[in-house]
Amino acid sequence: MSKSMSFLVVVLLGTALFTGSACRTGRSTPADSSPASSAPPAATGPSGDSPASRQFAAWLAAFNDGDGVALRAYHQLHFPFEVASRDVGDSEREMRLRTVTGGFDVQKLETASATSFSAILKERRRPQFARAAMDVDAADPHRVVRFEIAPIATPDEFLSADERARSTVDEARRHRIIDGVARHLEAHYVFPEVAERMIAALRDHAARGDYDRITSAATFSKAVTDDLRQVSHDQHLRLIFSLKPPPPPSPPDGEQVLGEARAHHFGLGPIERLPGNIARLVINRFVPAEHDAVREAIGALMSQVADADALLVDLRENNGGYPETVALVASYLFDPEPVHLNDMYRRDDRSTREFWTKREVPGKRFGGKKPVFVLTSKRTFSGGEELAYDLQSLHRARVVGETTGGGANPAGPPYEADDGFMIAVPWGRPINPITKTNWEGVGVIPDVPVPASAALDKARELAQQQLAAAPPAR
């Protein structure tokens, strides 16, 4: 037996090594978080295991353990966040992945060498597979230099006969799925005339035989999604295939919502004070804020930047959230007099809801007069885009970075199109009170376009220039 294979056997047979959860999005902690040691925590297994396999085992054990403090300590010593893909790109995202997936178990080793390791993983909470790959420095202590993790369709070798049948589509099933998609688009999509064009496009693709060669359910769901978006340019619209569809949504439990918000640090990442009394505030998501404790916690965090002379709001990794929380956070960037931020139109009942800043908020405001710069990337999406768009439209902030993802129209829980196939259908659209439109399909266009990696330095430079030209009153 090779050394790499012996390591795999230890992982597969000894899942007690990884005392946590599993899969596609989540958080965790290291087995040994003691800062006294510069070597990665030892993985249980043969003494000849490679540096890459040991480092991967150490990360997985820490991740599965779910202790955020210990996991951050592991990252400090062995695994800089900046070398990781998005789901593990910072502590908040990693812990979210841990929460969602419950952790991972290794299912199959793909590659193993002294400096590289890749494997097929499976979530512990759901029947979702993922692929992970890690490269480490050849020199001791073999710090991680690249890490990628992403969900994948269930590999064929792990499918049961029943699952293999459910993961296959034939002509009759493709027609049923298209009929199901058409039914829900017709009933719910925010723009009925666009829904008609999407339905016609799908039926035209089917009639021309464009789907005839597709037998994989996952491949078919992607093809349909691409064709729907080709017509609508709607980034929230998608057809989803899952061997185990999610259970129907249940009424939110207040304590559970609060616990999840705490686990995500209330959506806020690091708060940093830069030279020149410039504050940087990272917001990765907008958690639901119905609970008083969530609003108080957000207020306490926002209060930490209230006395800065300029503020950099970093939304480069923000993938959305709740519009009520967008309005709450925006309230800290204005004076107490309410400001009209956005409207939300619902197709189902033709209602329009207005969103304004709050007259009263917990904690201290940054206020409406000091300079604000918003950092964006192509990954900024949905609610993150809304905050950038609202502040830009009101001339309250300058946007620095990349054009954002272009997803404005919100979608609720998906509808069943056929067994295992769910369609997420946007039910409404934001209407900005100033522009009378939104960012769907086009994104938020930055005032100062620069690569996302350069946005922080550029925004800091602009803030310093503005403060030098007009020093704040003391």
Protein backbone atom coordinates (compact mmCIF):
# COMPACT_ATOMS: atom_id res chain seq x y z
CA MET A 1 0.00 0.00 0.00
CA SER A 2 1.37 3.46 -0.93
CA LYS A 3 1.87 6.12 1.68
CA SER A 4 -0.81 8.32 0.11
CA MET A 5 -3.30 5.45 0.06
CA SER A 6 -2.52 4.53 3.66
CA PHE A 7 -3.33 8.09 4.63
CA LEU A 8 -6.64 7.82 2.79
CA VAL A 9 -7.52 4.62 4.63
CA VAL A 10 -6.86 6.36 7.94
CA VAL A 11 -9.14 9.22 6.92
CA LEU A 12 -11.90 6.96 5.65
CA LEU A 13 -11.87 4.49 8.50
CA GLY A 14 -11.06 6.91 11.26
CA THR A 15 -13.54 9.73 10.86
CA ALA A 16 -13.16 10.33 14.59
CA LEU A 17 -10.04 12.20 13.49
CA PHE A 18 -12.34 14.91 12.17
CA THR A 19 -14.66 15.64 15.05
CA GLY A 20 -17.02 18.01 13.25
CA SER A 21 -19.24 18.37 10.19
CA ALA A 22 -19.14 18.12 6.41
CA CYS A 23 -19.54 19.61 2.87
CA ARG A 24 -20.01 22.58 0.63
CA THR A 25 -20.20 25.65 2.85
CA GLY A 26 -19.22 25.84 6.51
CA ARG A 27 -16.83 26.71 9.34
CA SER A 28 -14.51 25.08 11.77
CA THR A 29 -11.44 24.95 13.97
CA PRO A 30 -8.05 23.29 14.23
CA ALA A 31 -7.30 20.24 16.26
CA ASP A 32 -4.36 21.98 17.93
CA SER A 33 -4.75 25.75 18.17
CA SER A 34 -1.76 26.30 20.44
CA PRO A 35 0.38 29.15 19.04
CA ALA A 36 3.47 27.62 20.63
CA SER A 37 4.02 25.23 17.74
CA SER A 38 4.94 26.37 14.22
CA ALA A 39 4.39 22.93 12.72
CA PRO A 40 0.92 21.91 11.54
CA PRO A 41 -1.02 19.83 14.02
CA ALA A 42 -0.08 16.20 13.54
CA ALA A 43 -2.62 14.13 11.64
CA THR A 44 -3.27 10.68 12.92
CA GLY A 45 -1.87 8.30 10.33
CA PRO A 46 1.29 6.67 9.04
CA SER A 47 4.47 8.52 9.92
CA GLY A 48 5.49 8.77 6.26
CA ASP A 49 2.51 10.86 5.12
CA SER A 50 3.37 13.81 2.88
CA PRO A 51 3.42 17.45 4.07
CA ALA A 52 0.43 18.23 1.85
CA SER A 53 -1.68 15.34 3.14
CA ARG A 54 -0.83 16.20 6.77
CA GLN A 55 -1.69 19.85 6.26
CA PHE A 56 -4.99 18.94 4.61
CA ALA A 57 -5.83 16.56 7.46
CA ALA A 58 -5.02 19.29 9.99
CA TRP A 59 -7.28 21.79 8.24
CA LEU A 60 -10.13 19.30 7.91
CA ALA A 61 -9.90 18.30 11.57
CA ALA A 62 -9.98 21.97 12.59
CA PHE A 63 -12.83 22.75 10.22
CA ASN A 64 -14.93 19.79 11.31
CA ASP A 65 -14.35 20.58 14.97
CA GLY A 66 -16.25 23.86 14.49
CA ASP A 67 -14.34 25.99 17.02
CA GLY A 68 -13.94 29.36 15.31
CA VAL A 69 -11.24 30.65 17.65
CA ALA A 70 -9.08 27.57 17.20
CA LEU A 71 -9.64 27.57 13.45
CA ARG A 72 -8.51 31.19 13.16
CA ALA A 73 -5.41 30.34 15.20
CA TYR A 74 -4.65 27.50 12.78
CA HIS A 75 -5.02 29.85 9.82
CA GLN A 76 -2.68 32.38 11.42
CA LEU A 77 0.07 29.80 11.65
CA HIS A 78 -0.43 27.64 8.58
CA PHE A 79 -3.06 28.83 6.13
CA PRO A 80 -3.46 32.49 5.06
CA PHE A 81 -7.04 33.20 4.03
CA GLU A 82 -5.98 35.07 0.90
CA VAL A 83 -4.80 31.85 -0.81
CA ALA A 84 -8.23 30.19 -0.45
CA SER A 85 -11.26 30.16 -2.73
CA ARG A 86 -14.30 32.21 -1.80
CA ASP A 87 -16.08 29.84 0.59
CA VAL A 88 -13.00 29.79 2.82
CA GLY A 89 -11.83 33.31 1.94
CA ASP A 90 -12.22 34.67 5.48
CA SER A 91 -13.21 33.45 8.92
CA GLU A 92 -16.87 34.44 8.61
CA ARG A 93 -17.33 32.63 5.31
CA GLU A 94 -15.50 29.55 6.52
CA MET A 95 -17.65 29.31 9.63
CA ARG A 96 -20.76 29.77 7.49
CA LEU A 97 -19.61 26.87 5.33
CA ARG A 98 -19.11 24.78 8.46
CA THR A 99 -22.61 25.63 9.68
CA VAL A 100 -24.28 24.83 6.38
CA THR A 101 -22.41 21.61 5.65
CA GLY A 102 -21.88 20.23 9.12
CA GLY A 103 -18.35 19.35 8.03
CA PHE A 104 -16.86 17.00 5.44
CA ASP A 105 -15.76 13.40 5.19
CA VAL A 106 -13.17 12.31 2.64
CA GLN A 107 -14.66 9.88 0.13
CA LYS A 108 -11.87 9.43 -2.37
CA LEU A 109 -8.28 10.52 -2.80
CA GLU A 110 -7.63 12.05 -6.24
CA THR A 111 -4.01 13.22 -6.15
CA ALA A 112 -1.26 13.20 -3.55
CA SER A 113 2.34 14.38 -3.66
CA ALA A 114 4.72 16.09 -1.29
CA THR A 115 3.22 19.53 -2.01
CA SER A 116 -0.23 18.81 -3.48
CA PHE A 117 -3.33 17.01 -2.29
CA SER A 118 -6.86 16.74 -3.70
CA ALA A 119 -9.84 14.65 -2.71
CA ILE A 120 -13.56 14.14 -3.15
CA LEU A 121 -15.47 15.08 0.02
CA LYS A 122 -19.05 14.65 1.14
CA GLU A 123 -21.02 16.94 3.42
CA ARG A 124 -22.16 15.45 6.67
CA ARG A 125 -25.42 17.35 6.75
CA ARG A 126 -26.57 16.82 3.16
CA PRO A 127 -25.92 14.35 0.32
CA GLN A 128 -23.72 16.94 -1.40
CA PHE A 129 -20.24 16.20 -2.70
CA ALA A 130 -17.34 18.62 -3.06
CA ARG A 131 -13.83 18.66 -4.46
CA ALA A 132 -11.00 20.12 -2.41
CA ALA A 133 -7.42 20.78 -3.53
CA MET A 134 -4.50 22.08 -1.46
CA ASP A 135 -0.94 23.05 -2.38
CA VAL A 136 1.68 23.69 0.29
CA ASP A 137 5.11 25.28 0.34
CA ALA A 138 7.91 22.75 -0.15
CA ALA A 139 9.86 24.31 2.72
CA ASP A 140 9.09 23.64 6.36
CA PRO A 141 6.61 24.49 7.97
CA HIS A 142 4.78 23.81 4.67
CA ARG A 143 2.29 26.68 4.80
CA VAL A 144 -0.68 26.47 2.47
CA VAL A 145 -0.15 28.41 -0.78
CA ARG A 146 -3.39 27.43 -2.57
CA PHE A 147 -6.70 25.99 -1.47
CA GLU A 148 -9.88 25.48 -3.46
CA ILE A 149 -13.13 23.85 -2.47
CA ALA A 150 -16.34 23.73 -4.51
CA PRO A 151 -19.51 21.65 -4.75
CA ILE A 152 -19.71 19.03 -7.48
CA ALA A 153 -22.39 16.68 -8.78
CA THR A 154 -22.40 13.29 -7.10
CA PRO A 155 -19.72 11.22 -8.86
CA ASP A 156 -21.23 8.29 -10.70
CA GLU A 157 -19.33 5.73 -8.61
CA PHE A 158 -21.11 6.95 -5.46
CA LEU A 159 -24.63 6.71 -6.88
CA SER A 160 -26.96 3.87 -5.98
CA ALA A 161 -28.99 2.32 -8.77
CA ASP A 162 -32.00 4.40 -7.74
CA GLU A 163 -29.93 7.59 -7.53
CA ARG A 164 -28.37 6.88 -10.92
CA ALA A 165 -31.84 6.56 -12.40
CA ARG A 166 -32.98 9.81 -10.76
CA SER A 167 -29.84 11.57 -12.01
CA THR A 168 -30.66 10.64 -15.60
CA VAL A 169 -33.03 12.50 -17.93
CA ASP A 170 -34.64 11.19 -21.07
CA GLU A 171 -36.86 12.96 -23.60
CA ALA A 172 -40.08 12.45 -21.64
CA ARG A 173 -38.54 13.74 -18.41
CA ARG A 174 -36.98 16.74 -20.14
CA HIS A 175 -40.41 17.71 -21.46
CA ARG A 176 -41.97 17.31 -17.99
CA ILE A 177 -39.30 19.53 -16.45
CA ILE A 178 -39.76 22.22 -19.10
CA ASP A 179 -43.51 22.10 -18.54
CA GLY A 180 -42.98 22.49 -14.78
CA VAL A 181 -40.57 25.39 -15.26
CA ALA A 182 -43.02 27.06 -17.67
CA ARG A 183 -45.88 26.70 -15.19
CA HIS A 184 -44.01 28.49 -12.39
CA LEU A 185 -42.54 31.18 -14.63
CA GLU A 186 -46.01 31.95 -15.96
CA ALA A 187 -47.47 32.15 -12.45
CA HIS A 188 -44.73 33.97 -10.54
CA TYR A 189 -41.96 35.62 -12.59
CA VAL A 190 -41.84 39.36 -11.95
CA PHE A 191 -42.06 40.28 -15.64
CA PRO A 192 -44.88 38.26 -17.30
CA GLU A 193 -43.83 39.27 -20.82
CA VAL A 194 -40.25 38.09 -20.16
CA ALA A 195 -41.63 34.85 -18.72
CA GLU A 196 -43.44 34.24 -22.01
CA ARG A 197 -40.22 34.79 -23.97
CA MET A 198 -38.27 32.43 -21.70
CA ILE A 199 -40.90 29.70 -22.05
CA ALA A 200 -40.88 30.11 -25.82
CA ALA A 201 -37.08 29.92 -25.87
CA LEU A 202 -37.02 26.67 -23.85
CA ARG A 203 -39.62 25.06 -26.07
CA ASP A 204 -37.72 26.21 -29.15
CA HIS A 205 -34.46 24.68 -27.84
CA ALA A 206 -36.29 21.43 -27.15
CA ALA A 207 -37.94 21.39 -30.59
CA ARG A 208 -34.58 21.96 -32.30
CA GLY A 209 -33.07 19.02 -30.40
CA ASP A 210 -30.60 21.16 -28.44
CA TYR A 211 -31.20 19.07 -25.31
CA ASP A 212 -31.38 15.66 -26.98
CA ARG A 213 -27.82 14.63 -26.12
CA ILE A 214 -28.13 15.63 -22.45
CA THR A 215 -28.79 12.69 -20.15
CA SER A 216 -27.33 14.09 -16.91
CA ALA A 217 -29.82 15.83 -14.63
CA ALA A 218 -27.17 18.25 -13.35
CA THR A 219 -26.05 19.12 -16.88
CA PHE A 220 -29.65 19.65 -17.99
CA SER A 221 -30.39 21.96 -15.05
CA LYS A 222 -27.37 24.09 -15.98
CA ALA A 223 -28.34 24.19 -19.66
CA VAL A 224 -31.88 25.31 -18.81
CA THR A 225 -30.57 27.92 -16.36
CA ASP A 226 -28.20 29.29 -19.00
CA ASP A 227 -30.99 29.47 -21.58
CA LEU A 228 -33.35 31.22 -19.15
CA ARG A 229 -30.71 33.79 -18.28
CA GLN A 230 -29.85 34.29 -21.95
CA VAL A 231 -33.35 35.77 -22.32
CA SER A 232 -33.91 37.39 -18.91
CA HIS A 233 -30.35 38.27 -17.78
CA ASP A 234 -31.71 37.51 -14.30
CA GLN A 235 -28.99 36.16 -12.01
CA HIS A 236 -31.37 34.94 -9.28
CA LEU A 237 -33.26 32.72 -11.74
CA ARG A 238 -32.03 29.12 -11.81
CA LEU A 239 -33.08 25.51 -12.16
CA ILE A 240 -31.65 23.33 -9.39
CA PHE A 241 -31.25 19.56 -9.35
CA SER A 242 -30.80 17.68 -6.10
CA LEU A 243 -31.06 14.00 -5.28
CA LYS A 244 -32.56 15.07 -1.96
CA PRO A 245 -34.66 18.24 -2.38
CA PRO A 246 -34.67 20.58 0.62
CA PRO A 247 -37.57 20.22 3.08
CA PRO A 248 -40.36 22.80 2.82
CA PRO A 249 -39.50 26.03 4.67
CA SER A 250 -40.72 26.23 8.24
CA PRO A 251 -41.51 29.41 10.20
CA PRO A 252 -38.25 30.95 11.44
CA ASP A 253 -37.35 30.20 15.03
CA GLY A 254 -36.20 33.38 16.78
CA GLU A 255 -33.46 31.74 18.81
CA GLN A 256 -32.21 29.78 15.81
CA VAL A 257 -32.06 32.97 13.70
CA LEU A 258 -30.18 34.71 16.51
CA GLY A 259 -27.75 31.81 16.86
CA GLU A 260 -27.01 31.76 13.13
CA ALA A 261 -26.53 35.54 13.11
CA ARG A 262 -24.04 35.24 15.96
CA ALA A 263 -22.21 32.43 14.16
CA HIS A 264 -21.83 34.76 11.17
CA HIS A 265 -20.63 37.65 13.37
CA PHE A 266 -23.85 39.42 12.40
CA GLY A 267 -22.65 39.61 8.80
CA LEU A 268 -19.76 41.93 9.57
CA GLY A 269 -16.14 41.01 9.03
CA PRO A 270 -13.04 42.77 10.33
CA ILE A 271 -13.22 46.39 11.47
CA GLU A 272 -9.91 48.11 10.89
CA ARG A 273 -8.60 51.58 11.78
CA LEU A 274 -6.17 52.85 9.14
CA PRO A 275 -3.71 55.77 9.32
CA GLY A 276 -5.37 59.17 9.11
CA ASN A 277 -8.36 58.02 11.20
CA ILE A 278 -9.85 56.18 8.23
CA ALA A 279 -11.98 53.17 9.19
CA ARG A 280 -12.53 50.06 7.08
CA LEU A 281 -15.72 48.10 7.68
CA VAL A 282 -16.12 44.68 6.01
CA ILE A 283 -19.72 43.54 5.46
CA ASN A 284 -20.02 40.01 4.06
CA ARG A 285 -23.79 39.56 4.27
CA PHE A 286 -26.95 41.15 5.65
CA VAL A 287 -28.39 38.79 8.25
CA PRO A 288 -32.07 38.98 9.25
CA ALA A 289 -32.43 41.71 11.87
CA GLU A 290 -35.94 41.19 13.27
CA HIS A 291 -34.46 40.14 16.64
CA ASP A 292 -33.62 43.03 19.00
CA ALA A 293 -30.34 41.35 19.93
CA VAL A 294 -29.25 41.33 16.28
CA ARG A 295 -30.00 45.03 15.85
CA GLU A 296 -28.17 45.84 19.08
CA ALA A 297 -25.14 43.80 17.98
CA ILE A 298 -25.04 45.49 14.56
CA GLY A 299 -25.34 48.85 16.33
CA ALA A 300 -22.42 48.02 18.61
CA LEU A 301 -20.27 47.07 15.62
CA MET A 302 -21.29 50.14 13.59
CA SER A 303 -20.52 52.33 16.60
CA GLN A 304 -16.87 51.29 16.36
CA VAL A 305 -16.48 53.33 13.16
CA ALA A 306 -18.66 56.29 14.19
CA ASP A 307 -15.75 58.54 15.18
CA ALA A 308 -13.66 57.91 12.05
CA ASP A 309 -13.02 60.82 9.71
CA ALA A 310 -13.68 58.70 6.61
CA LEU A 311 -15.18 55.23 6.10
CA LEU A 312 -14.37 52.47 3.61
CA VAL A 313 -17.29 50.01 3.36
CA ASP A 314 -15.84 46.78 1.95
CA LEU A 315 -18.49 44.79 0.08
CA ARG A 316 -16.12 42.84 -2.16
CA GLU A 317 -17.23 39.47 -0.73
CA ASN A 318 -20.84 40.41 0.07
CA ASN A 319 -23.31 38.06 -1.59
CA GLY A 320 -26.55 39.55 -0.30
CA GLY A 321 -29.08 39.18 2.45
CA TYR A 322 -32.14 41.00 3.76
CA PRO A 323 -33.21 44.44 2.46
CA GLU A 324 -34.41 45.43 5.94
CA THR A 325 -30.85 44.96 7.19
CA VAL A 326 -29.44 46.89 4.23
CA ALA A 327 -31.66 49.80 5.30
CA LEU A 328 -30.55 49.43 8.93
CA VAL A 329 -26.84 49.52 8.05
CA ALA A 330 -27.36 52.42 5.63
CA SER A 331 -29.05 54.37 8.44
CA TYR A 332 -25.70 54.73 10.21
CA LEU A 333 -24.28 56.55 7.17
CA PHE A 334 -26.93 59.30 7.24
CA ASP A 335 -28.22 61.80 9.78
CA PRO A 336 -31.41 60.96 11.72
CA GLU A 337 -33.85 62.47 9.19
CA PRO A 338 -35.18 59.45 7.20
CA VAL A 339 -33.92 59.09 3.63
CA HIS A 340 -35.78 57.10 0.95
CA LEU A 341 -33.44 54.31 -0.16
CA ASN A 342 -35.38 51.85 -2.28
CA ASP A 343 -38.78 50.38 -3.16
CA MET A 344 -39.63 46.69 -3.67
CA TYR A 345 -42.41 45.73 -6.08
CA ARG A 346 -44.11 42.33 -5.80
CA ARG A 347 -45.75 40.82 -8.85
CA ASP A 348 -48.07 38.45 -6.96
CA ASP A 349 -50.12 41.16 -5.25
CA ARG A 350 -48.83 44.22 -7.16
CA SER A 351 -47.76 45.82 -3.90
CA THR A 352 -44.80 48.17 -3.42
CA ARG A 353 -42.92 48.43 -0.15
CA GLU A 354 -40.75 51.46 0.64
CA PHE A 355 -37.41 51.23 2.48
CA TRP A 356 -36.11 54.28 4.35
CA THR A 357 -33.25 54.92 6.75
CA LYS A 358 -34.20 54.78 10.42
CA ARG A 359 -34.76 57.86 12.56
CA GLU A 360 -33.53 55.96 15.61
CA VAL A 361 -30.82 53.28 15.65
CA PRO A 362 -28.95 51.44 18.40
CA GLY A 363 -25.50 52.87 19.08
CA LYS A 364 -23.74 55.77 17.35
CA ARG A 365 -24.02 56.96 13.75
CA PHE A 366 -21.15 57.72 11.42
CA GLY A 367 -23.45 60.41 10.09
CA GLY A 368 -24.29 61.89 6.74
CA LYS A 369 -21.48 64.37 6.14
CA LYS A 370 -18.13 62.56 6.36
CA PRO A 371 -16.72 60.82 3.27
CA VAL A 372 -17.73 57.23 2.48
CA PHE A 373 -16.18 54.93 -0.14
CA VAL A 374 -17.71 51.57 -1.09
CA LEU A 375 -15.43 48.76 -2.31
CA THR A 376 -16.91 46.29 -4.81
CA SER A 377 -15.91 43.26 -6.86
CA LYS A 378 -17.55 41.11 -9.51
CA ARG A 379 -18.55 38.82 -6.61
CA THR A 380 -20.56 41.56 -4.86
CA PHE A 381 -24.15 40.44 -5.34
CA SER A 382 -27.80 41.10 -4.50
CA GLY A 383 -28.09 42.91 -1.14
CA GLY A 384 -24.44 43.94 -1.31
CA GLU A 385 -25.19 45.54 -4.65
CA GLU A 386 -28.23 47.26 -3.20
CA LEU A 387 -26.24 49.09 -0.54
CA ALA A 388 -23.65 50.19 -3.12
CA TYR A 389 -26.37 51.27 -5.58
CA ASP A 390 -28.42 53.13 -2.95
CA LEU A 391 -25.43 55.08 -1.62
CA GLN A 392 -24.16 55.83 -5.13
CA SER A 393 -27.57 57.02 -6.35
CA LEU A 394 -27.93 59.32 -3.35
CA HIS A 395 -24.38 60.67 -3.90
CA ARG A 396 -23.60 59.56 -0.36
CA ALA A 397 -20.61 57.42 -1.39
CA ARG A 398 -18.20 56.81 -4.23
CA VAL A 399 -17.94 53.23 -5.46
CA VAL A 400 -14.40 51.93 -6.01
CA GLY A 401 -13.60 48.56 -7.58
CA GLU A 402 -15.24 46.31 -10.15
CA THR A 403 -18.68 46.17 -11.73
CA THR A 404 -20.81 43.95 -9.48
CA GLY A 405 -22.62 40.69 -10.29
CA GLY A 406 -25.92 42.18 -11.47
CA GLY A 407 -28.52 40.34 -9.35
CA ALA A 408 -31.34 42.62 -8.21
CA ASN A 409 -34.64 40.71 -8.49
CA PRO A 410 -35.21 38.65 -5.32
CA ALA A 411 -36.34 35.01 -5.40
CA GLY A 412 -38.10 33.14 -2.62
CA PRO A 413 -38.07 29.40 -1.85
CA PRO A 414 -37.87 27.39 -5.09
CA TYR A 415 -40.84 25.62 -6.66
CA GLU A 416 -40.85 21.95 -7.67
CA ALA A 417 -40.67 21.54 -11.45
CA ASP A 418 -40.30 17.74 -11.39
CA ASP A 419 -38.92 15.08 -9.07
CA GLY A 420 -35.56 16.43 -7.88
CA PHE A 421 -35.80 19.65 -9.93
CA MET A 422 -36.58 22.99 -8.29
CA ILE A 423 -36.89 26.36 -10.00
CA ALA A 424 -35.97 29.59 -8.19
CA VAL A 425 -38.24 32.30 -9.61
CA PRO A 426 -37.70 36.00 -8.84
CA TRP A 427 -41.02 37.41 -7.64
CA GLY A 428 -40.22 41.12 -7.45
CA ARG A 429 -37.89 43.94 -8.41
CA PRO A 430 -36.27 46.87 -6.63
CA ILE A 431 -37.11 50.35 -7.89
CA ASN A 432 -34.67 53.05 -6.90
CA PRO A 433 -36.53 56.31 -6.12
CA ILE A 434 -33.92 58.34 -7.98
CA THR A 435 -32.97 56.26 -11.02
CA LYS A 436 -36.41 54.56 -11.28
CA THR A 437 -34.60 51.32 -12.15
CA ASN A 438 -32.05 48.93 -10.58
CA TRP A 439 -28.84 47.01 -11.26
CA GLU A 440 -30.30 43.76 -12.64
CA GLY A 441 -28.18 42.34 -15.44
CA VAL A 442 -25.80 45.30 -15.52
CA GLY A 443 -24.37 45.47 -12.00
CA VAL A 444 -23.33 48.55 -10.07
CA ILE A 445 -20.87 50.50 -12.21
CA PRO A 446 -18.02 51.85 -10.06
CA ASP A 447 -17.25 55.56 -9.99
CA VAL A 448 -13.58 54.61 -9.84
CA PRO A 449 -12.99 51.35 -11.73
CA VAL A 450 -9.99 49.34 -10.50
CA PRO A 451 -9.37 45.61 -9.98
CA ALA A 452 -10.93 44.34 -6.76
CA SER A 453 -7.46 43.54 -5.40
CA ALA A 454 -6.51 47.23 -5.75
CA ALA A 455 -9.78 48.70 -4.45
CA LEU A 456 -8.71 49.06 -0.80
CA ASP A 457 -5.50 50.93 -1.59
CA LYS A 458 -7.29 53.16 -4.10
CA ALA A 459 -10.16 53.98 -1.76
CA ARG A 460 -7.74 54.76 1.06
CA GLU A 461 -5.80 57.07 -1.27
CA LEU A 462 -9.00 58.87 -2.30
CA ALA A 463 -10.08 59.24 1.33
CA GLN A 464 -6.71 60.69 2.29
CA GLN A 465 -6.91 63.16 -0.60
CA GLN A 466 -10.42 64.26 0.35
CA LEU A 467 -9.51 64.67 4.02
CA ALA A 468 -6.39 66.65 3.10
CA ALA A 469 -8.46 68.97 0.90
CA ALA A 470 -11.20 69.46 3.51
CA PRO A 471 -10.06 68.41 7.01
CA PRO A 472 -12.94 67.37 9.29
CA ALA A 473 -14.16 69.86 11.86
CA ARG A 474 -12.92 69.09 15.36
